[in-house]
């Protein structure tokens, strides 16, 4: 490294200076001016220069002219005025030792600086390549990280006039399996409850039949002991009681139907309507604004499920393509969801 610095700081090898013996720029310009028949004053006036400047150039006295930059500018102006090539003027000016090294000095200049510069340039290029490779690698890693995560679909809920489903979190297969298992357990419990209720009803019916048989036997025994008039009176009394019992049952059934119809009308007027029609077997769970589960379970193809409650409704579907949803007489668009993927959405 020290040798390279010494080579940089060492002066260029120069040959012994040889005096210039050619035609000088001043001589060239004076010959052209005299051939054109112009005076120094006329040339100075044409170029808006002082007469002393033109005299100094023709006398090759360049010291008072403030450096080689101004001298070269004067050469270009005079060459343009005389309509000649300015290059011979500049070459002769440099050959005289002004404005740069002489031609002989340039030929003897050492190549050490150029070699050192090339070496430094090679190192700089190597460092540049390493930096560029690091930047490209970092960009590729960032792109791979971004592409490994699939963004969750998000849509904005429009007004109720055009109902759109708003997706929330997608359920995993484990969550769907757990929900289905819970549904099976709940259905099994319901089935057991129904079986227990049926057995209880059967036992009650059997007990009632036994009591009726015993009562009938007693009546028959009492009828044998009673007179014909008493049997006739008992039969009339039994007919009246049967008629009264049938009339009471009919009134009770009519009152119950009227109460159910009134409750349905009140619930329909106060709540939101949600209808789901299933074209395939699908597991579904519907929760209203109060957090109550108004529907849950596996629904078969062709099943139509009308629901009434308070919006918003939180809905979980195992397959969005298996169901058509109508919310307050408006069709819900489920085409944005992927097929065979469970979804969670909210309708409000």
Protein backbone atom coordinates (compact mmCIF):
# COMPACT_ATOMS: atom_id res chain seq x y z
CA UNK A 1 0.00 0.00 0.00
CA UNK A 2 2.88 2.38 0.78
CA UNK A 3 4.38 1.72 -2.66
CA UNK A 4 1.09 2.69 -4.29
CA UNK A 5 0.96 5.94 -2.31
CA UNK A 6 4.54 6.72 -3.28
CA UNK A 7 3.70 6.10 -6.92
CA UNK A 8 0.71 8.46 -6.60
CA UNK A 9 2.76 11.20 -4.96
CA UNK A 10 5.80 10.83 -7.23
CA UNK A 11 5.98 13.38 -10.06
CA UNK A 12 5.73 12.26 -13.65
CA UNK A 13 8.98 11.50 -15.40
CA UNK A 14 9.74 14.32 -17.77
CA UNK A 15 12.26 14.50 -20.58
CA UNK A 16 14.57 17.41 -20.92
CA UNK A 17 12.61 20.47 -22.12
CA UNK A 18 13.19 21.29 -25.80
CA UNK A 19 12.67 24.97 -26.89
CA UNK A 20 9.75 25.51 -29.30
CA UNK A 21 10.93 26.50 -32.77
CA UNK A 22 7.68 26.46 -34.74
CA UNK A 23 5.31 29.23 -35.76
CA UNK A 24 3.70 30.84 -32.70
CA UNK A 25 -0.03 31.67 -32.36
CA UNK A 26 0.77 35.39 -32.42
CA UNK A 27 2.65 35.06 -35.69
CA UNK A 28 -0.23 33.10 -37.27
CA UNK A 29 -2.82 35.70 -36.23
CA UNK A 30 -0.69 38.68 -37.31
CA UNK A 31 -0.10 37.17 -40.77
CA UNK A 32 -3.83 36.55 -41.25
CA UNK A 33 -4.74 40.08 -40.08
CA UNK A 34 -2.20 41.69 -42.37
CA UNK A 35 -3.37 39.53 -45.28
CA UNK A 36 -6.94 40.76 -44.67
CA UNK A 37 -5.71 44.35 -44.57
CA UNK A 38 -7.06 45.10 -41.09
CA UNK A 39 -5.44 47.08 -38.33
CA UNK A 40 -5.15 46.08 -34.70
CA UNK A 41 -7.66 48.77 -33.74
CA UNK A 42 -10.22 47.45 -36.23
CA UNK A 43 -9.86 43.89 -34.93
CA UNK A 44 -10.14 45.07 -31.29
CA UNK A 45 -13.27 47.08 -32.13
CA UNK A 46 -14.87 44.13 -33.97
CA UNK A 47 -14.31 41.83 -30.98
CA UNK A 48 -14.94 44.57 -28.36
CA UNK A 49 -11.48 44.04 -26.89
CA UNK A 50 -8.81 46.43 -25.79
CA UNK A 51 -6.09 47.13 -28.34
CA UNK A 52 -3.49 46.07 -25.74
CA UNK A 53 -5.02 42.58 -25.60
CA UNK A 54 -4.74 42.08 -29.37
CA UNK A 55 -1.13 43.42 -29.31
CA UNK A 56 -0.24 41.01 -26.46
CA UNK A 57 -1.65 38.00 -28.34
CA UNK A 58 0.21 38.85 -31.55
CA UNK A 59 3.40 39.38 -29.49
CA UNK A 60 2.86 35.98 -27.71
CA UNK A 61 2.89 37.80 -24.39
CA UNK A 62 0.29 35.73 -22.47
CA UNK A 63 1.19 36.62 -18.91
CA UNK A 64 -1.10 39.70 -18.62
CA UNK A 65 -4.10 37.80 -20.10
CA UNK A 66 -5.23 36.13 -16.82
CA UNK A 67 -4.61 32.50 -17.59
CA UNK A 68 -4.92 29.95 -20.36
CA UNK A 69 -8.74 29.85 -20.26
CA UNK A 70 -9.02 33.46 -21.39
CA UNK A 71 -6.25 32.95 -23.97
CA UNK A 72 -8.08 30.01 -25.54
CA UNK A 73 -11.27 32.08 -25.63
CA UNK A 74 -9.41 34.87 -27.45
CA UNK A 75 -8.07 32.30 -29.94
CA UNK A 76 -11.59 31.08 -30.71
CA UNK A 77 -12.91 34.63 -31.15
CA UNK A 78 -10.06 35.64 -33.47
CA UNK A 79 -10.34 32.39 -35.49
CA UNK A 80 -14.04 32.98 -35.95
CA UNK A 81 -13.41 36.55 -37.05
CA UNK A 82 -10.68 35.48 -39.47
CA UNK A 83 -12.64 32.38 -40.54
CA UNK A 84 -9.79 29.97 -39.73
CA UNK A 85 -9.43 26.75 -37.68
CA UNK A 86 -8.61 27.49 -33.98
CA UNK A 87 -6.95 24.10 -33.40
CA UNK A 88 -3.50 25.02 -34.80
CA UNK A 89 -3.50 28.06 -32.49
CA UNK A 90 -4.25 25.93 -29.43
CA UNK A 91 -1.68 23.27 -30.44
CA UNK A 92 1.07 25.85 -30.89
CA UNK A 93 0.08 27.48 -27.59
CA UNK A 94 0.47 24.17 -25.73
CA UNK A 95 3.68 23.33 -27.58
CA UNK A 96 5.16 26.56 -26.25
CA UNK A 97 4.53 25.27 -22.72
CA UNK A 98 1.36 27.21 -21.91
CA UNK A 99 -1.92 25.70 -20.68
CA UNK A 100 -0.59 22.12 -20.17
CA UNK A 101 2.42 19.84 -20.58
CA UNK A 102 4.32 19.72 -23.81
CA UNK A 103 4.01 16.85 -26.24
CA UNK A 104 7.40 15.46 -25.26
CA UNK A 105 6.43 15.50 -21.59
CA UNK A 106 3.19 13.61 -22.30
CA UNK A 107 5.07 10.89 -24.15
CA UNK A 108 7.41 10.34 -21.18
CA UNK A 109 4.74 10.26 -18.46
CA UNK A 110 4.79 7.19 -16.20
CA UNK A 111 2.03 4.55 -16.36
CA UNK A 112 2.08 3.94 -12.61
CA UNK A 113 -0.85 6.24 -11.86
CA UNK A 114 -2.99 4.64 -14.49
CA UNK A 115 -2.26 1.17 -13.11
CA UNK A 116 -3.10 2.25 -9.57
CA UNK A 117 -6.29 3.92 -10.76
CA UNK A 118 -7.36 0.78 -12.61
CA UNK A 119 -6.69 -1.31 -9.51
CA UNK A 120 -8.74 1.02 -7.32
CA UNK A 121 -11.53 1.03 -9.88
CA UNK A 122 -11.57 -2.77 -9.81
CA UNK A 123 -11.94 -2.80 -6.04
CA UNK A 124 -14.72 -0.21 -6.22
CA UNK A 125 -16.58 -2.29 -8.80
CA UNK A 126 -16.28 -5.40 -6.61
CA UNK A 127 -17.75 -3.56 -3.62
CA UNK A 128 -20.54 -2.21 -5.82
CA UNK A 129 -21.40 -5.71 -7.04
CA UNK A 130 -21.54 -7.01 -3.45
CA UNK A 131 -23.89 -4.17 -2.41
CA UNK A 132 -26.16 -4.73 -5.43
CA UNK A 133 -26.31 -8.48 -4.73
CA UNK A 134 -27.22 -7.79 -1.08
CA UNK A 135 -30.01 -5.40 -2.10
CA UNK A 136 -31.42 -7.91 -4.61
CA UNK A 137 -31.29 -10.69 -2.00
CA UNK A 138 -33.08 -8.54 0.58
CA UNK A 139 -35.79 -7.63 -1.96
CA UNK A 140 -36.28 -11.30 -2.89
CA UNK A 141 -36.55 -12.31 0.78
CA UNK A 142 -39.10 -9.55 1.46
CA UNK A 143 -41.17 -10.60 -1.57
CA UNK A 144 -41.12 -14.24 -0.43
CA UNK A 145 -42.27 -13.23 3.08
CA UNK A 146 -45.11 -11.15 1.65
CA UNK A 147 -46.25 -13.88 -0.76
CA UNK A 148 -46.30 -16.56 1.97
CA UNK A 149 -49.19 -14.83 3.72
CA UNK A 150 -52.61 -14.87 2.01
CA UNK A 151 -54.59 -11.74 2.91
CA UNK A 152 -58.01 -12.37 4.36
CA UNK A 153 -60.89 -11.13 2.16
CA UNK A 154 -62.45 -7.95 3.45
CA UNK A 155 -65.53 -6.25 2.13
CA UNK A 156 -67.53 -3.33 3.36
CA UNK A 157 -71.18 -3.76 4.32
CA UNK A 158 -73.45 -1.62 2.13
CA UNK A 159 -76.88 -0.36 3.16
CA UNK A 160 -79.78 -2.76 3.65
CA UNK A 161 -81.08 -1.98 0.13
CA UNK A 162 -78.23 -4.05 -1.39
CA UNK A 163 -77.21 -6.71 1.11
CA UNK A 164 -73.62 -7.97 0.90
CA UNK A 165 -72.05 -10.55 3.16
CA UNK A 166 -69.22 -9.26 5.33
CA UNK A 167 -66.56 -11.96 5.86
CA UNK A 168 -64.87 -12.33 9.20
CA UNK A 169 -62.41 -15.02 10.30
CA UNK A 170 -62.21 -18.22 8.24
CA UNK A 171 -62.77 -21.38 10.31
CA UNK A 172 -60.12 -24.03 10.31
CA UNK A 173 -60.88 -27.69 9.69
CA UNK A 174 -60.30 -28.47 13.38
CA UNK A 175 -62.86 -25.85 14.44
CA UNK A 176 -65.42 -27.18 11.94
CA UNK A 177 -64.84 -30.74 13.20
CA UNK A 178 -65.28 -29.58 16.81
CA UNK A 179 -68.49 -27.78 15.94
CA UNK A 180 -69.84 -30.83 14.14
CA UNK A 181 -68.96 -33.07 17.09
CA UNK A 182 -70.74 -30.67 19.47
CA UNK A 183 -73.75 -30.69 17.16
CA UNK A 184 -73.84 -34.49 17.11
CA UNK A 185 -73.69 -34.57 20.92
CA UNK A 186 -76.51 -32.04 21.16
CA UNK A 187 -78.63 -34.01 18.68
CA UNK A 188 -77.98 -37.21 20.66
CA UNK A 189 -79.11 -35.48 23.87
CA UNK A 190 -82.24 -34.17 22.12
CA UNK A 191 -82.96 -37.67 20.79
CA UNK A 192 -82.59 -39.14 24.29
CA UNK A 193 -84.91 -36.46 25.67
CA UNK A 194 -87.47 -37.25 22.97
CA UNK A 195 -87.22 -40.98 23.68
CA UNK A 196 -87.67 -40.34 27.43
CA UNK A 197 -90.70 -38.15 26.71
CA UNK A 198 -92.19 -40.84 24.46
CA UNK A 199 -91.67 -43.51 27.12
CA UNK A 200 -93.27 -41.27 29.73
CA UNK A 201 -96.24 -40.60 27.46
CA UNK A 202 -96.61 -44.33 26.78
CA UNK A 203 -96.56 -45.11 30.48
CA UNK A 204 -99.13 -42.43 31.19
CA UNK A 205 -101.30 -43.70 28.37
CA UNK A 206 -101.04 -47.28 29.66
CA UNK A 207 -101.92 -46.14 33.17
CA UNK A 208 -104.90 -44.21 31.82
CA UNK A 209 -106.12 -47.24 29.89
CA UNK A 210 -105.78 -49.43 32.99
CA UNK A 211 -107.72 -46.90 35.05
CA UNK A 212 -110.36 -46.66 32.33
CA UNK A 213 -110.63 -50.47 32.24
CA UNK A 214 -111.00 -50.66 35.99
CA UNK A 215 -113.58 -47.87 35.94
CA UNK A 216 -115.45 -49.63 33.14
CA UNK A 217 -115.41 -52.88 35.08
CA UNK A 218 -116.73 -51.10 38.15
CA UNK A 219 -119.44 -49.41 36.12
CA UNK A 220 -120.45 -52.74 34.64
CA UNK A 221 -120.60 -54.30 38.05
CA UNK A 222 -122.59 -51.36 39.38
CA UNK A 223 -124.88 -51.51 36.36
CA UNK A 224 -125.71 -55.12 37.08
CA UNK A 225 -126.69 -54.19 40.58
CA UNK A 226 -128.63 -51.02 39.65
CA UNK A 227 -132.02 -50.87 38.05
CA UNK A 228 -132.67 -50.05 34.40
CA UNK A 229 -133.71 -46.50 35.26
CA UNK A 230 -130.45 -45.84 37.04
CA UNK A 231 -128.47 -47.24 34.04
CA UNK A 232 -130.37 -44.96 31.74
CA UNK A 233 -129.66 -41.95 33.98
CA UNK A 234 -125.96 -42.81 34.18
CA UNK A 235 -125.71 -43.09 30.38
CA UNK A 236 -127.32 -39.68 29.91
CA UNK A 237 -124.98 -38.16 32.48
CA UNK A 238 -121.94 -39.76 30.72
CA UNK A 239 -123.04 -38.38 27.34
CA UNK A 240 -123.39 -34.88 28.76
CA UNK A 241 -119.93 -35.05 30.32
CA UNK A 242 -118.40 -36.31 27.02
CA UNK A 243 -120.05 -33.48 25.11
CA UNK A 244 -118.81 -30.92 27.62
CA UNK A 245 -115.26 -32.38 27.48
CA UNK A 246 -115.18 -32.26 23.63
CA UNK A 247 -116.50 -28.68 23.66
CA UNK A 248 -113.80 -27.64 26.18
CA UNK A 249 -111.02 -29.29 24.14
CA UNK A 250 -112.16 -27.55 20.94
CA UNK A 251 -112.23 -24.17 22.70
CA UNK A 252 -108.76 -24.77 24.20
CA UNK A 253 -107.31 -25.74 20.76
CA UNK A 254 -108.85 -22.65 19.13
CA UNK A 255 -107.48 -20.39 21.86
CA UNK A 256 -103.99 -21.95 21.55
CA UNK A 257 -103.93 -21.51 17.75
CA UNK A 258 -105.03 -17.88 18.09
CA UNK A 259 -102.30 -17.23 20.70
CA UNK A 260 -99.61 -18.84 18.49
CA UNK A 261 -100.77 -16.84 15.46
CA UNK A 262 -100.72 -13.61 17.46
CA UNK A 263 -97.22 -14.36 18.84
CA UNK A 264 -95.92 -15.13 15.33
CA UNK A 265 -97.40 -11.90 14.00
CA UNK A 266 -95.84 -9.89 16.86
CA UNK A 267 -92.47 -11.55 16.41
CA UNK A 268 -92.53 -10.97 12.63
CA UNK A 269 -93.46 -7.31 13.09
CA UNK A 270 -90.77 -6.70 15.72
CA UNK A 271 -87.87 -8.76 14.24
CA UNK A 272 -85.84 -9.19 11.05
CA UNK A 273 -86.58 -12.02 8.64
CA UNK A 274 -83.88 -14.46 7.52
CA UNK A 275 -84.58 -17.34 5.14
CA UNK A 276 -82.02 -20.02 4.19
CA UNK A 277 -82.67 -22.61 1.44
CA UNK A 278 -80.15 -25.48 1.26
CA UNK A 279 -79.21 -27.11 -2.06
CA UNK A 280 -76.64 -29.43 -0.42
CA UNK A 281 -76.02 -30.88 3.02
CA UNK A 282 -74.43 -28.13 5.11
CA UNK A 283 -73.67 -27.36 8.75
CA UNK A 284 -74.96 -23.94 9.89
CA UNK A 285 -75.07 -21.85 13.04
CA UNK A 286 -77.08 -18.59 13.36
CA UNK A 287 -76.84 -16.22 16.34
CA UNK A 288 -78.97 -13.07 16.71
CA UNK A 289 -78.11 -9.72 18.32
CA UNK A 290 -78.83 -11.00 21.83
CA UNK A 291 -76.30 -13.81 21.47
CA UNK A 292 -78.98 -16.53 21.36
CA UNK A 293 -78.44 -19.42 18.93
CA UNK A 294 -81.63 -19.43 16.86
CA UNK A 295 -80.43 -22.21 14.51
CA UNK A 296 -77.63 -24.79 14.64
CA UNK A 297 -76.99 -28.15 13.03
CA UNK A 298 -76.56 -30.04 9.77
CA UNK A 299 -79.31 -29.23 7.26
CA UNK A 300 -80.16 -31.57 4.40
CA UNK A 301 -80.51 -30.64 0.72
CA UNK A 302 -83.90 -29.14 -0.09
CA UNK A 303 -84.50 -27.91 3.46
CA UNK A 304 -85.94 -24.37 3.78
CA UNK A 305 -85.29 -22.66 7.14
CA UNK A 306 -87.17 -19.38 7.88
CA UNK A 307 -85.89 -17.48 10.92
CA UNK A 308 -86.97 -14.35 12.76
CA UNK A 309 -84.90 -12.36 15.24
CA UNK A 310 -83.09 -9.16 15.92
CA UNK A 311 -80.23 -8.17 13.57
CA UNK A 312 -77.28 -8.33 13.28
CA UNK A 313 -77.14 -12.07 12.57
CA UNK A 314 -73.78 -13.88 12.92
CA UNK A 315 -73.77 -16.86 10.53
CA UNK A 316 -71.28 -19.74 10.20
CA UNK A 317 -71.51 -21.91 7.05
CA UNK A 318 -69.40 -24.95 6.19
CA UNK A 319 -69.99 -24.44 2.42
CA UNK A 320 -71.26 -21.09 1.09
CA UNK A 321 -72.22 -22.61 -2.26
CA UNK A 322 -74.69 -24.99 -0.56
CA UNK A 323 -77.15 -22.34 0.67
CA UNK A 324 -79.14 -19.37 -0.69
CA UNK A 325 -79.83 -16.62 1.87
CA UNK A 326 -82.59 -13.97 1.81
CA UNK A 327 -82.42 -11.21 4.43
CA UNK A 328 -85.53 -9.01 4.74
CA UNK A 329 -86.60 -9.91 1.16
CA UNK A 330 -83.11 -9.05 -0.20
CA UNK A 331 -80.81 -11.71 -1.67
CA UNK A 332 -77.38 -12.03 -0.03
CA UNK A 333 -74.47 -12.37 -2.50
CA UNK A 334 -72.21 -15.29 -1.50
CA UNK A 335 -70.30 -15.57 -4.81
CA UNK A 336 -67.22 -13.82 -3.38
CA UNK A 337 -66.44 -16.76 -1.06
CA UNK A 338 -64.29 -19.71 -2.03
CA UNK A 339 -66.03 -23.03 -2.60
CA UNK A 340 -65.77 -25.83 -0.03
CA UNK A 341 -64.40 -23.41 2.59
CA UNK A 342 -66.20 -22.57 5.81
CA UNK A 343 -66.99 -18.87 6.25
CA UNK A 344 -68.26 -16.55 8.97
CA UNK A 345 -70.34 -13.52 8.01
CA UNK A 346 -72.59 -10.91 9.60
CA UNK A 347 -75.87 -9.52 8.26
CA UNK A 348 -77.18 -6.27 9.67
